[in-house]
């Protein structure tokens, strides 16, 4: 079983979902991507993340096909461009995403990154959508500590359900200040690129721990991200094999010796660092 995590409104979601960045952009991969997404849902990775930015809407269109007949089983997340995040712009952008996804509602709608529009206006737009039943919850993405403080001080800001950030073994900066701040507010982290898009080293501590558990270094890196009870990992998988590997990582338990070995090679931050973003 995939462990679940509770959002601030009490909704339970799996702590392992699926990302879709760059899916739907290459026709020759379409069938494999659709089959992978469908298998992921079947295996319990029912949280699926996308954005209007991904493929300028083509990824959402791919999802509408992949999730046909599966919508009620899926916790569907999309994101709005910052330049569309005015009160009226949010409404228009959401309608576009709903149309491309062929659905009546989003389970979670995120501001993709901080922008020029006042956060108060974005919140009003999100709340309009929630009142209309177009979204069930809203949150943010790529918000660092200062932006989270601004959000918390804005009217309605306490309704933020999640902060989606870049977090993995080589991007541990959020652990110093941002993640403790989120934990204090009971706002979960949604970690994108949890294995650094497959570019993490396959040697050293990762390889040693992987050999011990009889799995791949990437599976150890993914299990490491999921070790925290307040983190949802959303790796992308465009092949059946990759989906199965990701799912198996959810069953791994890293012991104190494993974690110590990883910390020695990938030490936690000792100071505040700017939030990384892809």
C-alpha atoms as a PDB file:
ATOM      1  CA  UNK A   1       0.000   0.000   0.000  1.00  0.00           C
ATOM      2  CA  UNK A   2       1.133   3.533  -0.759  1.00  0.00           C
ATOM      3  CA  UNK A   3       1.176   5.664   2.369  1.00  0.00           C
ATOM      4  CA  UNK A   4      -1.294   8.536   2.431  1.00  0.00           C
ATOM      5  CA  UNK A   5      -0.923  12.103   3.624  1.00  0.00           C
ATOM      6  CA  UNK A   6      -3.635  14.450   4.857  1.00  0.00           C
ATOM      7  CA  UNK A   7      -4.087  17.877   3.315  1.00  0.00           C
ATOM      8  CA  UNK A   8      -5.175  20.758   5.569  1.00  0.00           C
ATOM      9  CA  UNK A   9      -8.856  20.245   4.612  1.00  0.00           C
ATOM     10  CA  UNK A  10      -8.721  16.596   5.683  1.00  0.00           C
ATOM     11  CA  UNK A  11      -8.419  15.107   2.172  1.00  0.00           C
ATOM     12  CA  UNK A  12      -6.227  12.019   2.037  1.00  0.00           C
ATOM     13  CA  UNK A  13      -3.836  11.759  -0.915  1.00  0.00           C
ATOM     14  CA  UNK A  14      -1.073   9.256  -1.746  1.00  0.00           C
ATOM     15  CA  UNK A  15       2.449  10.390  -0.894  1.00  0.00           C
ATOM     16  CA  UNK A  16       3.566   9.096  -4.301  1.00  0.00           C
ATOM     17  CA  UNK A  17       1.920  10.557  -7.372  1.00  0.00           C
ATOM     18  CA  UNK A  18       2.868  11.262 -10.971  1.00  0.00           C
ATOM     19  CA  UNK A  19       4.294  14.342 -12.654  1.00  0.00           C
ATOM     20  CA  UNK A  20       3.711  15.058 -16.341  1.00  0.00           C
ATOM     21  CA  UNK A  21       6.198  17.766 -17.342  1.00  0.00           C
ATOM     22  CA  UNK A  22       7.119  17.426 -21.047  1.00  0.00           C
ATOM     23  CA  UNK A  23       4.542  14.707 -21.645  1.00  0.00           C
ATOM     24  CA  UNK A  24       2.373  15.086 -24.734  1.00  0.00           C
ATOM     25  CA  UNK A  25       5.031  17.013 -26.629  1.00  0.00           C
ATOM     26  CA  UNK A  26       6.323  14.158 -28.839  1.00  0.00           C
ATOM     27  CA  UNK A  27       3.778  12.163 -30.855  1.00  0.00           C
ATOM     28  CA  UNK A  28       5.961   9.047 -30.973  1.00  0.00           C
ATOM     29  CA  UNK A  29       5.845   8.815 -27.180  1.00  0.00           C
ATOM     30  CA  UNK A  30       2.122   9.415 -26.793  1.00  0.00           C
ATOM     31  CA  UNK A  31       1.015   5.778 -26.558  1.00  0.00           C
ATOM     32  CA  UNK A  32       3.733   4.905 -24.027  1.00  0.00           C
ATOM     33  CA  UNK A  33       2.928   7.963 -21.928  1.00  0.00           C
ATOM     34  CA  UNK A  34      -0.792   7.196 -21.871  1.00  0.00           C
ATOM     35  CA  UNK A  35      -0.203   3.554 -20.937  1.00  0.00           C
ATOM     36  CA  UNK A  36       2.236   4.616 -18.207  1.00  0.00           C
ATOM     37  CA  UNK A  37      -0.230   7.058 -16.675  1.00  0.00           C
ATOM     38  CA  UNK A  38      -3.009   4.501 -16.727  1.00  0.00           C
ATOM     39  CA  UNK A  39      -0.805   1.883 -15.079  1.00  0.00           C
ATOM     40  CA  UNK A  40       0.275   4.385 -12.436  1.00  0.00           C
ATOM     41  CA  UNK A  41      -3.339   5.019 -11.475  1.00  0.00           C
ATOM     42  CA  UNK A  42      -3.962   1.274 -11.375  1.00  0.00           C
ATOM     43  CA  UNK A  43      -0.989   0.850  -9.022  1.00  0.00           C
ATOM     44  CA  UNK A  44      -2.274   3.508  -6.625  1.00  0.00           C
ATOM     45  CA  UNK A  45      -0.359   6.596  -7.772  1.00  0.00           C
ATOM     46  CA  UNK A  46      -3.638   8.431  -8.171  1.00  0.00           C
ATOM     47  CA  UNK A  47      -2.361  11.977  -7.620  1.00  0.00           C
ATOM     48  CA  UNK A  48      -1.548  13.384 -11.063  1.00  0.00           C
ATOM     49  CA  UNK A  49       0.093  16.794 -11.497  1.00  0.00           C
ATOM     50  CA  UNK A  50       0.104  18.956 -14.605  1.00  0.00           C
ATOM     51  CA  UNK A  51       0.011  22.642 -15.628  1.00  0.00           C
ATOM     52  CA  UNK A  52      -1.271  24.897 -18.369  1.00  0.00           C
ATOM     53  CA  UNK A  53       2.402  25.665 -19.088  1.00  0.00           C
ATOM     54  CA  UNK A  54       3.313  22.067 -19.895  1.00  0.00           C
ATOM     55  CA  UNK A  55       3.424  21.810 -23.654  1.00  0.00           C
ATOM     56  CA  UNK A  56       1.272  24.976 -23.734  1.00  0.00           C
ATOM     57  CA  UNK A  57      -1.760  22.823 -22.950  1.00  0.00           C
ATOM     58  CA  UNK A  58      -0.769  19.678 -24.846  1.00  0.00           C
ATOM     59  CA  UNK A  59       0.014  17.822 -21.634  1.00  0.00           C
ATOM     60  CA  UNK A  60      -3.451  18.517 -20.257  1.00  0.00           C
ATOM     61  CA  UNK A  61      -4.918  17.275 -23.533  1.00  0.00           C
ATOM     62  CA  UNK A  62      -2.877  14.068 -23.227  1.00  0.00           C
ATOM     63  CA  UNK A  63      -4.218  13.594 -19.711  1.00  0.00           C
ATOM     64  CA  UNK A  64      -7.801  13.929 -20.889  1.00  0.00           C
ATOM     65  CA  UNK A  65      -7.206  10.857 -23.050  1.00  0.00           C
ATOM     66  CA  UNK A  66      -5.148   8.926 -20.501  1.00  0.00           C
ATOM     67  CA  UNK A  67      -7.651   9.477 -17.686  1.00  0.00           C
ATOM     68  CA  UNK A  68     -10.771   8.730 -19.695  1.00  0.00           C
ATOM     69  CA  UNK A  69     -12.991   6.648 -17.429  1.00  0.00           C
ATOM     70  CA  UNK A  70     -10.588   7.112 -14.495  1.00  0.00           C
ATOM     71  CA  UNK A  71     -11.405  10.669 -13.410  1.00  0.00           C
ATOM     72  CA  UNK A  72     -13.191   9.688 -10.199  1.00  0.00           C
ATOM     73  CA  UNK A  73     -10.159   7.667  -9.102  1.00  0.00           C
ATOM     74  CA  UNK A  74      -7.697  10.523  -9.631  1.00  0.00           C
ATOM     75  CA  UNK A  75      -6.702  13.523  -7.511  1.00  0.00           C
ATOM     76  CA  UNK A  76      -6.021  15.938 -10.346  1.00  0.00           C
ATOM     77  CA  UNK A  77      -3.695  18.924  -9.924  1.00  0.00           C
ATOM     78  CA  UNK A  78      -3.010  21.718 -12.404  1.00  0.00           C
ATOM     79  CA  UNK A  79      -1.238  25.062 -12.249  1.00  0.00           C
ATOM     80  CA  UNK A  80      -1.889  28.563 -13.534  1.00  0.00           C
ATOM     81  CA  UNK A  81       0.753  30.814 -15.106  1.00  0.00           C
ATOM     82  CA  UNK A  82       1.636  33.824 -12.899  1.00  0.00           C
ATOM     83  CA  UNK A  83       0.724  36.220 -15.728  1.00  0.00           C
ATOM     84  CA  UNK A  84      -2.773  34.681 -15.748  1.00  0.00           C
ATOM     85  CA  UNK A  85      -3.168  34.962 -11.979  1.00  0.00           C
ATOM     86  CA  UNK A  86      -5.338  38.065 -11.672  1.00  0.00           C
ATOM     87  CA  UNK A  87      -8.812  37.461 -10.243  1.00  0.00           C
ATOM     88  CA  UNK A  88     -10.426  37.331 -13.696  1.00  0.00           C
ATOM     89  CA  UNK A  89      -7.380  35.722 -15.295  1.00  0.00           C
ATOM     90  CA  UNK A  90      -7.464  32.789 -12.895  1.00  0.00           C
ATOM     91  CA  UNK A  91     -11.080  32.103 -13.862  1.00  0.00           C
ATOM     92  CA  UNK A  92     -10.290  32.178 -17.586  1.00  0.00           C
ATOM     93  CA  UNK A  93      -7.156  30.038 -17.213  1.00  0.00           C
ATOM     94  CA  UNK A  94      -8.986  27.462 -15.127  1.00  0.00           C
ATOM     95  CA  UNK A  95     -11.746  27.174 -17.718  1.00  0.00           C
ATOM     96  CA  UNK A  96      -9.069  26.491 -20.322  1.00  0.00           C
ATOM     97  CA  UNK A  97      -7.493  23.761 -18.213  1.00  0.00           C
ATOM     98  CA  UNK A  98     -10.871  22.169 -17.474  1.00  0.00           C
ATOM     99  CA  UNK A  99     -11.701  22.145 -21.173  1.00  0.00           C
ATOM    100  CA  UNK A 100      -8.386  20.582 -22.173  1.00  0.00           C
ATOM    101  CA  UNK A 101      -8.591  18.020 -19.355  1.00  0.00           C
ATOM    102  CA  UNK A 102     -12.231  17.262 -20.190  1.00  0.00           C
ATOM    103  CA  UNK A 103     -13.303  17.523 -16.558  1.00  0.00           C
ATOM    104  CA  UNK A 104     -15.721  19.631 -14.529  1.00  0.00           C
ATOM    105  CA  UNK A 105     -13.353  20.349 -11.658  1.00  0.00           C
ATOM    106  CA  UNK A 106      -9.777  20.224 -10.387  1.00  0.00           C
ATOM    107  CA  UNK A 107      -8.985  18.682  -7.028  1.00  0.00           C
ATOM    108  CA  UNK A 108      -6.146  21.166  -6.529  1.00  0.00           C
ATOM    109  CA  UNK A 109      -5.169  24.321  -8.430  1.00  0.00           C
ATOM    110  CA  UNK A 110      -1.765  25.946  -7.880  1.00  0.00           C
ATOM    111  CA  UNK A 111      -0.131  29.270  -8.697  1.00  0.00           C
ATOM    112  CA  UNK A 112       2.867  28.028 -10.676  1.00  0.00           C
ATOM    113  CA  UNK A 113       5.355  30.533  -9.225  1.00  0.00           C
ATOM    114  CA  UNK A 114       5.214  34.009  -7.646  1.00  0.00           C
ATOM    115  CA  UNK A 115       4.476  36.728 -10.157  1.00  0.00           C
ATOM    116  CA  UNK A 116       3.542  40.369 -10.554  1.00  0.00           C
ATOM    117  CA  UNK A 117      -0.160  39.970  -9.759  1.00  0.00           C
ATOM    118  CA  UNK A 118      -0.984  40.773  -6.115  1.00  0.00           C
ATOM    119  CA  UNK A 119      -1.379  37.535  -4.186  1.00  0.00           C
ATOM    120  CA  UNK A 120      -4.647  38.870  -2.725  1.00  0.00           C
ATOM    121  CA  UNK A 121      -6.144  38.964  -6.231  1.00  0.00           C
ATOM    122  CA  UNK A 122      -4.995  35.429  -6.978  1.00  0.00           C
ATOM    123  CA  UNK A 123      -6.533  34.183  -3.734  1.00  0.00           C
ATOM    124  CA  UNK A 124      -9.826  35.897  -4.600  1.00  0.00           C
ATOM    125  CA  UNK A 125      -9.751  34.182  -7.974  1.00  0.00           C
ATOM    126  CA  UNK A 126      -9.077  30.811  -6.378  1.00  0.00           C
ATOM    127  CA  UNK A 127     -11.866  31.318  -3.850  1.00  0.00           C
ATOM    128  CA  UNK A 128     -14.291  32.277  -6.633  1.00  0.00           C
ATOM    129  CA  UNK A 129     -13.456  29.019  -8.361  1.00  0.00           C
ATOM    130  CA  UNK A 130     -13.837  27.032  -5.176  1.00  0.00           C
ATOM    131  CA  UNK A 131     -17.237  28.587  -4.460  1.00  0.00           C
ATOM    132  CA  UNK A 132     -18.311  27.703  -8.007  1.00  0.00           C
ATOM    133  CA  UNK A 133     -17.209  24.093  -7.595  1.00  0.00           C
ATOM    134  CA  UNK A 134     -14.538  24.401 -10.288  1.00  0.00           C
ATOM    135  CA  UNK A 135     -11.732  23.572  -7.849  1.00  0.00           C
ATOM    136  CA  UNK A 136     -11.800  21.818  -4.507  1.00  0.00           C
ATOM    137  CA  UNK A 137      -8.627  23.330  -3.048  1.00  0.00           C
ATOM    138  CA  UNK A 138      -5.814  25.662  -4.036  1.00  0.00           C
ATOM    139  CA  UNK A 139      -2.153  26.118  -3.258  1.00  0.00           C
ATOM    140  CA  UNK A 140       1.131  27.483  -4.551  1.00  0.00           C
ATOM    141  CA  UNK A 141       4.309  26.313  -6.227  1.00  0.00           C
ATOM    142  CA  UNK A 142       7.916  27.525  -6.020  1.00  0.00           C
ATOM    143  CA  UNK A 143       7.171  29.779  -3.033  1.00  0.00           C
ATOM    144  CA  UNK A 144      10.114  30.399  -0.710  1.00  0.00           C
ATOM    145  CA  UNK A 145       9.845  31.454   2.941  1.00  0.00           C
ATOM    146  CA  UNK A 146       9.297  35.162   2.223  1.00  0.00           C
ATOM    147  CA  UNK A 147       6.533  34.425  -0.271  1.00  0.00           C
ATOM    148  CA  UNK A 148       4.900  32.038   2.190  1.00  0.00           C
ATOM    149  CA  UNK A 149       4.981  34.802   4.829  1.00  0.00           C
ATOM    150  CA  UNK A 150       3.308  37.187   2.399  1.00  0.00           C
ATOM    151  CA  UNK A 151       0.721  34.538   1.549  1.00  0.00           C
ATOM    152  CA  UNK A 152      -0.005  33.845   5.206  1.00  0.00           C
ATOM    153  CA  UNK A 153      -0.576  37.553   5.826  1.00  0.00           C
ATOM    154  CA  UNK A 154      -3.006  37.974   2.933  1.00  0.00           C
ATOM    155  CA  UNK A 155      -6.777  37.645   3.436  1.00  0.00           C
ATOM    156  CA  UNK A 156      -7.713  34.008   2.873  1.00  0.00           C
ATOM    157  CA  UNK A 157      -4.084  32.894   2.693  1.00  0.00           C
ATOM    158  CA  UNK A 158      -4.614  30.347   5.454  1.00  0.00           C
ATOM    159  CA  UNK A 159      -6.532  28.163   2.971  1.00  0.00           C
ATOM    160  CA  UNK A 160      -3.323  27.231   1.093  1.00  0.00           C
ATOM    161  CA  UNK A 161      -3.289  23.445   0.788  1.00  0.00           C
ATOM    162  CA  UNK A 162       0.239  22.717  -0.478  1.00  0.00           C
ATOM    163  CA  UNK A 163       3.516  24.213  -1.703  1.00  0.00           C
ATOM    164  CA  UNK A 164       5.013  22.397  -4.681  1.00  0.00           C
ATOM    165  CA  UNK A 165       8.790  22.825  -4.730  1.00  0.00           C
ATOM    166  CA  UNK A 166      11.950  21.353  -6.200  1.00  0.00           C
ATOM    167  CA  UNK A 167      13.239  18.959  -3.544  1.00  0.00           C
ATOM    168  CA  UNK A 168      15.597  16.013  -3.801  1.00  0.00           C
ATOM    169  CA  UNK A 169      18.977  14.797  -2.541  1.00  0.00           C
ATOM    170  CA  UNK A 170      20.944  17.522  -4.305  1.00  0.00           C
ATOM    171  CA  UNK A 171      18.345  20.235  -3.615  1.00  0.00           C
ATOM    172  CA  UNK A 172      18.085  20.046   0.173  1.00  0.00           C
ATOM    173  CA  UNK A 173      18.036  23.804   0.766  1.00  0.00           C
ATOM    174  CA  UNK A 174      14.323  23.906   1.744  1.00  0.00           C
ATOM    175  CA  UNK A 175      15.079  21.774   4.803  1.00  0.00           C
ATOM    176  CA  UNK A 176      16.748  24.683   6.597  1.00  0.00           C
ATOM    177  CA  UNK A 177      13.888  27.185   6.813  1.00  0.00           C
ATOM    178  CA  UNK A 178      11.073  26.646   4.315  1.00  0.00           C
ATOM    179  CA  UNK A 179      10.064  23.101   5.207  1.00  0.00           C
ATOM    180  CA  UNK A 180       9.985  23.731   8.980  1.00  0.00           C
ATOM    181  CA  UNK A 181       7.830  26.813   8.303  1.00  0.00           C
ATOM    182  CA  UNK A 182       5.447  24.754   6.179  1.00  0.00           C
ATOM    183  CA  UNK A 183       5.305  21.999   8.775  1.00  0.00           C
ATOM    184  CA  UNK A 184       4.420  24.536  11.454  1.00  0.00           C
ATOM    185  CA  UNK A 185       1.492  25.671   9.287  1.00  0.00           C
ATOM    186  CA  UNK A 186       0.622  22.033   8.456  1.00  0.00           C
ATOM    187  CA  UNK A 187       1.100  22.691   4.752  1.00  0.00           C
ATOM    188  CA  UNK A 188       2.519  19.622   2.965  1.00  0.00           C
ATOM    189  CA  UNK A 189       5.340  19.770   0.445  1.00  0.00           C
ATOM    190  CA  UNK A 190       4.806  18.406  -3.053  1.00  0.00           C
ATOM    191  CA  UNK A 191       8.276  17.536  -4.361  1.00  0.00           C
ATOM    192  CA  UNK A 192       8.773  17.819  -8.104  1.00  0.00           C
ATOM    193  CA  UNK A 193      11.824  16.324  -9.850  1.00  0.00           C
ATOM    194  CA  UNK A 194      12.453  14.096  -6.794  1.00  0.00           C
ATOM    195  CA  UNK A 195      15.211  12.227  -8.628  1.00  0.00           C
ATOM    196  CA  UNK A 196      16.596  15.332 -10.381  1.00  0.00           C
ATOM    197  CA  UNK A 197      15.176  14.160 -13.729  1.00  0.00           C
ATOM    198  CA  UNK A 198      17.265  10.994 -13.549  1.00  0.00           C
ATOM    199  CA  UNK A 199      20.583  12.831 -13.344  1.00  0.00           C
ATOM    200  CA  UNK A 200      21.561  11.843  -9.798  1.00  0.00           C
ATOM    201  CA  UNK A 201      24.861   9.931  -9.472  1.00  0.00           C
ATOM    202  CA  UNK A 202      24.566   6.144  -9.557  1.00  0.00           C
ATOM    203  CA  UNK A 203      27.699   5.702  -7.476  1.00  0.00           C
ATOM    204  CA  UNK A 204      28.755   6.286  -3.882  1.00  0.00           C
ATOM    205  CA  UNK A 205      26.217   6.122  -1.076  1.00  0.00           C
ATOM    206  CA  UNK A 206      23.219   5.774  -3.369  1.00  0.00           C
ATOM    207  CA  UNK A 207      24.762   2.775  -5.084  1.00  0.00           C
ATOM    208  CA  UNK A 208      25.805   1.155  -1.807  1.00  0.00           C
ATOM    209  CA  UNK A 209      22.362   1.531  -0.239  1.00  0.00           C
ATOM    210  CA  UNK A 210      20.736   0.353  -3.467  1.00  0.00           C
ATOM    211  CA  UNK A 211      22.845  -2.817  -3.494  1.00  0.00           C
ATOM    212  CA  UNK A 212      21.872  -3.474   0.114  1.00  0.00           C
ATOM    213  CA  UNK A 213      18.163  -3.298  -0.749  1.00  0.00           C
ATOM    214  CA  UNK A 214      18.442  -4.939  -4.170  1.00  0.00           C
ATOM    215  CA  UNK A 215      17.031  -1.928  -6.029  1.00  0.00           C
ATOM    216  CA  UNK A 216      18.291   0.916  -8.227  1.00  0.00           C
ATOM    217  CA  UNK A 217      19.957   4.103  -6.937  1.00  0.00           C
ATOM    218  CA  UNK A 218      17.049   6.121  -8.337  1.00  0.00           C
ATOM    219  CA  UNK A 219      14.591   4.094  -6.273  1.00  0.00           C
ATOM    220  CA  UNK A 220      16.644   4.840  -3.153  1.00  0.00           C
ATOM    221  CA  UNK A 221      16.640   8.554  -4.005  1.00  0.00           C
ATOM    222  CA  UNK A 222      12.866   8.486  -4.424  1.00  0.00           C
ATOM    223  CA  UNK A 223      12.364   6.545  -1.193  1.00  0.00           C
ATOM    224  CA  UNK A 224      14.573   9.117   0.536  1.00  0.00           C
ATOM    225  CA  UNK A 225      12.260  11.960  -0.533  1.00  0.00           C
ATOM    226  CA  UNK A 226       9.238   9.980   0.677  1.00  0.00           C
ATOM    227  CA  UNK A 227      10.832   9.247   4.048  1.00  0.00           C
ATOM    228  CA  UNK A 228       9.255  12.422   5.408  1.00  0.00           C
ATOM    229  CA  UNK A 229       5.602  12.209   6.475  1.00  0.00           C
ATOM    230  CA  UNK A 230       4.873  15.706   5.128  1.00  0.00           C
ATOM    231  CA  UNK A 231       6.117  15.199   1.548  1.00  0.00           C
ATOM    232  CA  UNK A 232       4.339  14.043  -1.612  1.00  0.00           C
ATOM    233  CA  UNK A 233       6.691  12.984  -4.409  1.00  0.00           C
ATOM    234  CA  UNK A 234       5.571  13.424  -8.032  1.00  0.00           C
ATOM    235  CA  UNK A 235       8.171  11.810 -10.315  1.00  0.00           C
ATOM    236  CA  UNK A 236       7.472  11.647 -14.027  1.00  0.00           C
ATOM    237  CA  UNK A 237       7.459   8.235 -15.689  1.00  0.00           C
ATOM    238  CA  UNK A 238       6.923   7.868 -19.414  1.00  0.00           C
ATOM    239  CA  UNK A 239       7.406   4.106 -19.618  1.00  0.00           C
ATOM    240  CA  UNK A 240       5.757   1.088 -17.993  1.00  0.00           C
ATOM    241  CA  UNK A 241       9.084  -0.034 -16.531  1.00  0.00           C
ATOM    242  CA  UNK A 242       9.733   3.342 -14.934  1.00  0.00           C
ATOM    243  CA  UNK A 243       6.242   3.440 -13.433  1.00  0.00           C
ATOM    244  CA  UNK A 244       6.752   0.049 -11.823  1.00  0.00           C
ATOM    245  CA  UNK A 245      10.135   1.129 -10.432  1.00  0.00           C
ATOM    246  CA  UNK A 246       8.620   4.254  -8.913  1.00  0.00           C
ATOM    247  CA  UNK A 247       5.798   2.282  -7.349  1.00  0.00           C
ATOM    248  CA  UNK A 248       8.249  -0.223  -5.831  1.00  0.00           C
ATOM    249  CA  UNK A 249      10.169   2.649  -4.225  1.00  0.00           C
ATOM    250  CA  UNK A 250       7.126   3.376  -2.066  1.00  0.00           C
ATOM    251  CA  UNK A 251       7.613   0.010  -0.371  1.00  0.00           C
ATOM    252  CA  UNK A 252      11.217   0.711   0.629  1.00  0.00           C
ATOM    253  CA  UNK A 253      12.131   1.602   4.209  1.00  0.00           C
ATOM    254  CA  UNK A 254      15.498   3.244   4.728  1.00  0.00           C
ATOM    255  CA  UNK A 255      17.040   2.537   8.122  1.00  0.00           C
ATOM    256  CA  UNK A 256      19.213   4.851  10.244  1.00  0.00           C
ATOM    257  CA  UNK A 257      22.392   3.436   8.721  1.00  0.00           C
ATOM    258  CA  UNK A 258      21.113   4.138   5.191  1.00  0.00           C
ATOM    259  CA  UNK A 259      20.118   7.686   6.062  1.00  0.00           C
ATOM    260  CA  UNK A 260      23.434   8.403   7.776  1.00  0.00           C
ATOM    261  CA  UNK A 261      25.382   7.190   4.743  1.00  0.00           C
ATOM    262  CA  UNK A 262      23.298   9.387   2.456  1.00  0.00           C
ATOM    263  CA  UNK A 263      23.686  12.407   4.765  1.00  0.00           C
ATOM    264  CA  UNK A 264      27.463  12.052   4.711  1.00  0.00           C
ATOM    265  CA  UNK A 265      27.516  12.296   0.934  1.00  0.00           C
ATOM    266  CA  UNK A 266      24.592  14.706   0.567  1.00  0.00           C
ATOM    267  CA  UNK A 267      24.689  16.772   3.781  1.00  0.00           C
ATOM    268  CA  UNK A 268      21.688  18.773   4.965  1.00  0.00           C
ATOM    269  CA  UNK A 269      21.963  22.573   4.635  1.00  0.00           C
ATOM    270  CA  UNK A 270      23.569  24.595   7.409  1.00  0.00           C
ATOM    271  CA  UNK A 271      22.259  27.961   6.237  1.00  0.00           C
ATOM    272  CA  UNK A 272      19.442  29.534   4.313  1.00  0.00           C
ATOM    273  CA  UNK A 273      19.708  29.150   0.541  1.00  0.00           C
ATOM    274  CA  UNK A 274      17.548  30.619  -2.228  1.00  0.00           C
ATOM    275  CA  UNK A 275      14.874  28.205  -3.376  1.00  0.00           C
ATOM    276  CA  UNK A 276      15.921  26.282  -6.473  1.00  0.00           C
ATOM    277  CA  UNK A 277      13.468  26.125  -9.358  1.00  0.00           C
ATOM    278  CA  UNK A 278      13.294  24.333 -12.689  1.00  0.00           C
END
